[in-house]
């Protein structure tokens, strides 16, 4: 087991905010493989796919806050996960009112 890393303000500089066409979401359930069920901040529940770029580098678990990019042709049903936030980053997002406190 490794030590738990404490992130400071300088480590939060790498935070990424959603661009146009992207949404915040919370992982509800792991569906197996590369698929997860995500509740987006627009109120729609989508099936998210973990992109190959993230698949082996970032572990995504239940209740993680992610950025999802809905697909062009199935935008209310499917999307790609493009970013996962760490716990200190989520606190920073809530403090700066990018996401709701109860999200």
N, C-alpha and C. Protein backbone atom coordinates (compact mmCIF):
# COMPACT_ATOMS: atom_id res chain seq x y z
N UNK A 1 0.83 -1.18 0.00
CA UNK A 1 0.00 0.00 0.00
C UNK A 1 0.87 1.24 0.00
N UNK A 2 0.56 2.15 -0.86
CA UNK A 2 1.30 3.39 -0.90
C UNK A 2 0.72 4.40 0.07
N UNK A 3 1.46 5.47 0.27
CA UNK A 3 0.98 6.53 1.15
C UNK A 3 -0.10 7.32 0.43
N UNK A 4 -1.01 7.84 1.19
CA UNK A 4 -2.03 8.72 0.63
C UNK A 4 -1.42 10.08 0.39
N UNK A 5 -1.54 10.56 -0.83
CA UNK A 5 -0.94 11.85 -1.17
C UNK A 5 -1.89 12.98 -0.83
N UNK A 6 -1.35 13.99 -0.20
CA UNK A 6 -2.13 15.18 0.11
C UNK A 6 -1.85 16.21 -0.98
N UNK A 7 -2.93 16.62 -1.65
CA UNK A 7 -2.79 17.59 -2.73
C UNK A 7 -2.88 19.00 -2.16
N UNK A 8 -1.98 19.87 -2.60
CA UNK A 8 -2.05 21.26 -2.16
C UNK A 8 -2.54 22.12 -3.32
N UNK A 9 -2.55 23.41 -3.13
CA UNK A 9 -3.10 24.32 -4.13
C UNK A 9 -2.34 24.24 -5.45
N UNK A 10 -1.03 24.03 -5.40
CA UNK A 10 -0.27 23.96 -6.66
C UNK A 10 -0.59 22.70 -7.45
N UNK A 11 -1.00 21.61 -6.77
CA UNK A 11 -1.38 20.39 -7.48
C UNK A 11 -2.74 20.53 -8.14
N UNK A 12 -3.54 21.48 -7.70
CA UNK A 12 -4.86 21.67 -8.29
C UNK A 12 -4.83 22.50 -9.56
N UNK A 13 -3.66 22.97 -9.97
CA UNK A 13 -3.58 23.77 -11.18
C UNK A 13 -3.91 22.96 -12.42
N UNK A 14 -3.83 21.65 -12.32
CA UNK A 14 -4.09 20.80 -13.47
C UNK A 14 -5.57 20.49 -13.64
N UNK A 15 -6.43 21.19 -12.92
CA UNK A 15 -7.86 20.92 -12.97
C UNK A 15 -8.40 21.30 -14.35
N UNK A 16 -9.36 20.54 -14.83
CA UNK A 16 -9.94 20.76 -16.15
C UNK A 16 -11.43 21.00 -15.99
N UNK A 17 -11.94 22.04 -16.61
CA UNK A 17 -13.36 22.34 -16.58
C UNK A 17 -14.00 21.90 -17.90
N UNK A 18 -15.30 21.61 -17.89
CA UNK A 18 -15.95 21.16 -19.13
C UNK A 18 -15.92 22.24 -20.20
N UNK A 19 -15.62 21.80 -21.41
CA UNK A 19 -15.66 22.71 -22.56
C UNK A 19 -17.06 22.66 -23.16
N UNK A 20 -17.25 23.32 -24.28
CA UNK A 20 -18.56 23.33 -24.92
C UNK A 20 -18.95 21.92 -25.36
N UNK A 21 -20.15 21.51 -25.00
CA UNK A 21 -20.62 20.17 -25.34
C UNK A 21 -20.28 19.11 -24.32
N UNK A 22 -19.63 19.49 -23.20
CA UNK A 22 -19.28 18.54 -22.16
C UNK A 22 -20.04 18.86 -20.88
N UNK A 23 -20.26 17.85 -20.04
CA UNK A 23 -21.04 18.01 -18.81
C UNK A 23 -20.33 17.38 -17.63
N UNK A 24 -20.67 17.86 -16.42
CA UNK A 24 -20.26 17.17 -15.21
C UNK A 24 -21.21 15.99 -15.01
N UNK A 25 -20.69 14.93 -14.39
CA UNK A 25 -21.53 13.78 -14.09
C UNK A 25 -20.99 13.05 -12.87
N UNK A 26 -21.87 12.26 -12.24
CA UNK A 26 -21.49 11.42 -11.11
C UNK A 26 -21.73 9.97 -11.51
N UNK A 27 -20.73 9.13 -11.26
CA UNK A 27 -20.82 7.72 -11.61
C UNK A 27 -21.79 7.06 -10.63
N UNK A 28 -22.84 6.44 -11.18
CA UNK A 28 -23.83 5.76 -10.35
C UNK A 28 -23.48 4.28 -10.17
N UNK A 29 -23.04 3.64 -11.25
CA UNK A 29 -22.87 2.20 -11.21
C UNK A 29 -21.88 1.76 -12.27
N UNK A 30 -21.03 0.83 -11.92
CA UNK A 30 -20.12 0.22 -12.88
C UNK A 30 -20.87 -0.91 -13.58
N UNK A 31 -20.86 -0.91 -14.92
CA UNK A 31 -21.62 -1.90 -15.67
C UNK A 31 -20.75 -3.04 -16.18
N UNK A 32 -19.46 -2.93 -15.99
CA UNK A 32 -18.56 -3.97 -16.46
C UNK A 32 -17.83 -3.54 -17.72
N UNK A 33 -16.63 -4.04 -17.87
CA UNK A 33 -15.83 -3.65 -19.02
C UNK A 33 -15.49 -2.18 -18.94
N UNK A 34 -15.80 -1.46 -19.98
CA UNK A 34 -15.50 -0.03 -20.03
C UNK A 34 -16.75 0.83 -19.89
N UNK A 35 -17.88 0.26 -19.48
CA UNK A 35 -19.14 0.98 -19.41
C UNK A 35 -19.53 1.30 -17.97
N UNK A 36 -20.05 2.51 -17.77
CA UNK A 36 -20.55 2.95 -16.47
C UNK A 36 -21.84 3.72 -16.66
N UNK A 37 -22.68 3.75 -15.63
CA UNK A 37 -23.91 4.53 -15.66
C UNK A 37 -23.64 5.84 -14.95
N UNK A 38 -23.96 6.97 -15.60
CA UNK A 38 -23.62 8.30 -15.11
C UNK A 38 -24.86 9.18 -15.04
N UNK A 39 -25.04 9.87 -13.91
CA UNK A 39 -26.09 10.87 -13.75
C UNK A 39 -25.46 12.23 -14.04
N UNK A 40 -25.87 12.86 -15.13
CA UNK A 40 -25.27 14.13 -15.55
C UNK A 40 -25.96 15.30 -14.87
N UNK A 41 -25.29 16.47 -14.89
CA UNK A 41 -25.85 17.64 -14.21
C UNK A 41 -27.03 18.25 -14.94
N UNK A 42 -27.35 17.78 -16.16
CA UNK A 42 -28.56 18.24 -16.84
C UNK A 42 -29.76 17.36 -16.51
N UNK A 43 -29.59 16.37 -15.61
CA UNK A 43 -30.69 15.54 -15.16
C UNK A 43 -30.87 14.25 -15.95
N UNK A 44 -30.07 14.01 -16.96
CA UNK A 44 -30.19 12.82 -17.80
C UNK A 44 -29.20 11.76 -17.32
N UNK A 45 -29.66 10.51 -17.28
CA UNK A 45 -28.78 9.40 -16.94
C UNK A 45 -28.29 8.77 -18.24
N UNK A 46 -26.97 8.73 -18.39
CA UNK A 46 -26.36 8.23 -19.62
C UNK A 46 -25.45 7.05 -19.32
N UNK A 47 -25.23 6.24 -20.35
CA UNK A 47 -24.23 5.18 -20.27
C UNK A 47 -22.93 5.77 -20.78
N UNK A 48 -21.93 5.78 -19.93
CA UNK A 48 -20.63 6.34 -20.30
C UNK A 48 -19.64 5.26 -20.65
N UNK A 49 -18.74 5.60 -21.54
CA UNK A 49 -17.68 4.68 -21.94
C UNK A 49 -16.35 5.30 -21.54
N UNK A 50 -15.51 4.49 -20.88
CA UNK A 50 -14.19 4.98 -20.49
C UNK A 50 -13.31 4.92 -21.73
N UNK A 51 -12.82 6.06 -22.14
CA UNK A 51 -11.98 6.13 -23.33
C UNK A 51 -10.69 5.34 -23.14
N UNK A 52 -10.14 4.86 -24.22
CA UNK A 52 -8.92 4.07 -24.17
C UNK A 52 -7.75 4.82 -23.55
N UNK A 53 -7.73 6.14 -23.73
CA UNK A 53 -6.67 6.97 -23.18
C UNK A 53 -6.68 6.94 -21.65
N UNK A 54 -7.86 6.80 -21.05
CA UNK A 54 -8.00 6.79 -19.59
C UNK A 54 -8.05 5.39 -19.00
N UNK A 55 -8.36 4.40 -19.82
CA UNK A 55 -8.72 3.08 -19.32
C UNK A 55 -7.68 2.46 -18.39
N UNK A 56 -6.41 2.53 -18.74
CA UNK A 56 -5.39 1.89 -17.92
C UNK A 56 -4.62 2.87 -17.04
N UNK A 57 -4.94 4.14 -17.11
CA UNK A 57 -4.23 5.16 -16.34
C UNK A 57 -5.01 5.66 -15.14
N UNK A 58 -6.33 5.69 -15.25
CA UNK A 58 -7.18 6.26 -14.21
C UNK A 58 -8.23 5.23 -13.83
N UNK A 59 -8.34 4.95 -12.53
CA UNK A 59 -9.36 4.04 -12.05
C UNK A 59 -10.61 4.84 -11.70
N UNK A 60 -11.74 4.44 -12.26
CA UNK A 60 -13.00 5.12 -12.01
C UNK A 60 -13.86 4.21 -11.14
N UNK A 61 -14.42 4.80 -10.06
CA UNK A 61 -15.22 4.06 -9.10
C UNK A 61 -16.59 4.72 -8.93
N UNK A 62 -17.47 4.07 -8.20
CA UNK A 62 -18.79 4.64 -7.91
C UNK A 62 -18.64 5.98 -7.18
N UNK A 63 -19.52 6.91 -7.48
CA UNK A 63 -19.61 8.25 -6.88
C UNK A 63 -18.47 9.17 -7.28
N UNK A 64 -17.66 8.82 -8.24
CA UNK A 64 -16.64 9.75 -8.75
C UNK A 64 -17.30 10.82 -9.60
N UNK A 65 -16.75 12.02 -9.55
CA UNK A 65 -17.20 13.12 -10.41
C UNK A 65 -16.34 13.09 -11.67
N UNK A 66 -17.00 13.11 -12.83
CA UNK A 66 -16.31 13.00 -14.11
C UNK A 66 -16.83 14.07 -15.07
N UNK A 67 -16.10 14.26 -16.15
CA UNK A 67 -16.58 15.06 -17.27
C UNK A 67 -16.96 14.08 -18.37
N UNK A 68 -18.17 14.23 -18.90
CA UNK A 68 -18.65 13.35 -19.96
C UNK A 68 -18.95 14.17 -21.20
N UNK A 69 -18.57 13.63 -22.35
CA UNK A 69 -18.85 14.26 -23.64
C UNK A 69 -19.91 13.42 -24.35
N UNK A 70 -21.18 13.88 -24.40
CA UNK A 70 -22.22 13.10 -25.07
C UNK A 70 -21.91 12.90 -26.55
N UNK A 71 -22.30 11.74 -27.04
CA UNK A 71 -22.09 11.44 -28.46
C UNK A 71 -23.00 12.31 -29.30
N UNK A 72 -22.61 12.59 -30.53
CA UNK A 72 -23.39 13.44 -31.42
C UNK A 72 -24.71 12.79 -31.83
N UNK A 73 -24.71 11.49 -32.08
CA UNK A 73 -25.91 10.83 -32.61
C UNK A 73 -26.79 10.18 -31.55
N UNK A 74 -26.31 10.01 -30.34
CA UNK A 74 -27.08 9.42 -29.25
C UNK A 74 -26.88 10.25 -27.99
N UNK A 75 -27.01 11.55 -28.08
CA UNK A 75 -26.55 12.42 -27.00
C UNK A 75 -27.31 12.27 -25.69
N UNK A 76 -28.55 11.76 -25.69
CA UNK A 76 -29.28 11.58 -24.45
C UNK A 76 -29.13 10.18 -23.87
N UNK A 77 -28.35 9.32 -24.53
CA UNK A 77 -28.19 7.96 -24.05
C UNK A 77 -26.75 7.57 -23.77
N UNK A 78 -25.79 8.07 -24.56
CA UNK A 78 -24.41 7.60 -24.47
C UNK A 78 -23.44 8.77 -24.44
N UNK A 79 -22.23 8.50 -23.95
CA UNK A 79 -21.18 9.52 -23.93
C UNK A 79 -19.84 8.92 -23.56
N UNK A 80 -18.79 9.69 -23.77
CA UNK A 80 -17.43 9.29 -23.43
C UNK A 80 -16.98 10.02 -22.18
N UNK A 81 -16.33 9.30 -21.26
CA UNK A 81 -15.73 9.93 -20.09
C UNK A 81 -14.37 10.47 -20.51
N UNK A 82 -14.15 11.76 -20.29
CA UNK A 82 -12.90 12.38 -20.72
C UNK A 82 -12.02 12.82 -19.55
N UNK A 83 -12.58 12.87 -18.32
CA UNK A 83 -11.79 13.32 -17.18
C UNK A 83 -12.42 12.83 -15.89
N UNK A 84 -11.59 12.47 -14.90
CA UNK A 84 -12.05 12.12 -13.56
C UNK A 84 -11.38 13.05 -12.56
N UNK A 85 -12.17 13.57 -11.62
CA UNK A 85 -11.66 14.49 -10.61
C UNK A 85 -11.27 13.74 -9.35
N UNK A 86 -10.19 14.19 -8.69
CA UNK A 86 -9.80 13.66 -7.39
C UNK A 86 -10.63 14.34 -6.31
N UNK A 87 -10.58 13.84 -5.08
CA UNK A 87 -11.37 14.42 -3.99
C UNK A 87 -11.02 15.88 -3.71
N UNK A 88 -9.74 16.28 -3.66
CA UNK A 88 -9.45 17.70 -3.45
C UNK A 88 -9.96 18.58 -4.60
N UNK A 89 -9.94 18.05 -5.81
CA UNK A 89 -10.45 18.82 -6.95
C UNK A 89 -11.96 18.99 -6.85
N UNK A 90 -12.67 17.96 -6.37
CA UNK A 90 -14.12 18.06 -6.19
C UNK A 90 -14.45 19.12 -5.15
N UNK A 91 -13.69 19.15 -4.06
CA UNK A 91 -13.91 20.18 -3.04
C UNK A 91 -13.67 21.57 -3.61
N UNK A 92 -12.65 21.71 -4.44
CA UNK A 92 -12.36 23.00 -5.08
C UNK A 92 -13.51 23.40 -6.00
N UNK A 93 -14.05 22.45 -6.76
CA UNK A 93 -15.18 22.73 -7.66
C UNK A 93 -16.40 23.19 -6.86
N UNK A 94 -16.66 22.55 -5.72
CA UNK A 94 -17.81 22.93 -4.90
C UNK A 94 -17.59 24.29 -4.26
N UNK A 95 -16.38 24.57 -3.79
CA UNK A 95 -16.10 25.86 -3.16
C UNK A 95 -16.20 27.01 -4.15
N UNK A 96 -15.84 26.77 -5.40
CA UNK A 96 -15.89 27.82 -6.43
C UNK A 96 -17.17 27.79 -7.23
N UNK A 97 -18.16 27.01 -6.77
CA UNK A 97 -19.52 26.98 -7.33
C UNK A 97 -19.57 26.54 -8.79
N UNK A 98 -18.69 25.62 -9.17
CA UNK A 98 -18.78 25.02 -10.51
C UNK A 98 -19.79 23.89 -10.51
N UNK A 99 -19.91 23.21 -9.36
CA UNK A 99 -20.95 22.18 -9.19
C UNK A 99 -21.66 22.45 -7.88
N UNK A 100 -22.87 21.91 -7.75
CA UNK A 100 -23.68 22.13 -6.54
C UNK A 100 -23.08 21.37 -5.36
N UNK A 101 -23.32 21.86 -4.16
CA UNK A 101 -22.79 21.21 -2.94
C UNK A 101 -23.33 19.80 -2.77
N UNK A 102 -24.56 19.55 -3.20
CA UNK A 102 -25.17 18.24 -3.02
C UNK A 102 -25.04 17.34 -4.24
N UNK A 103 -24.24 17.73 -5.21
CA UNK A 103 -24.09 16.95 -6.45
C UNK A 103 -23.27 15.72 -6.20
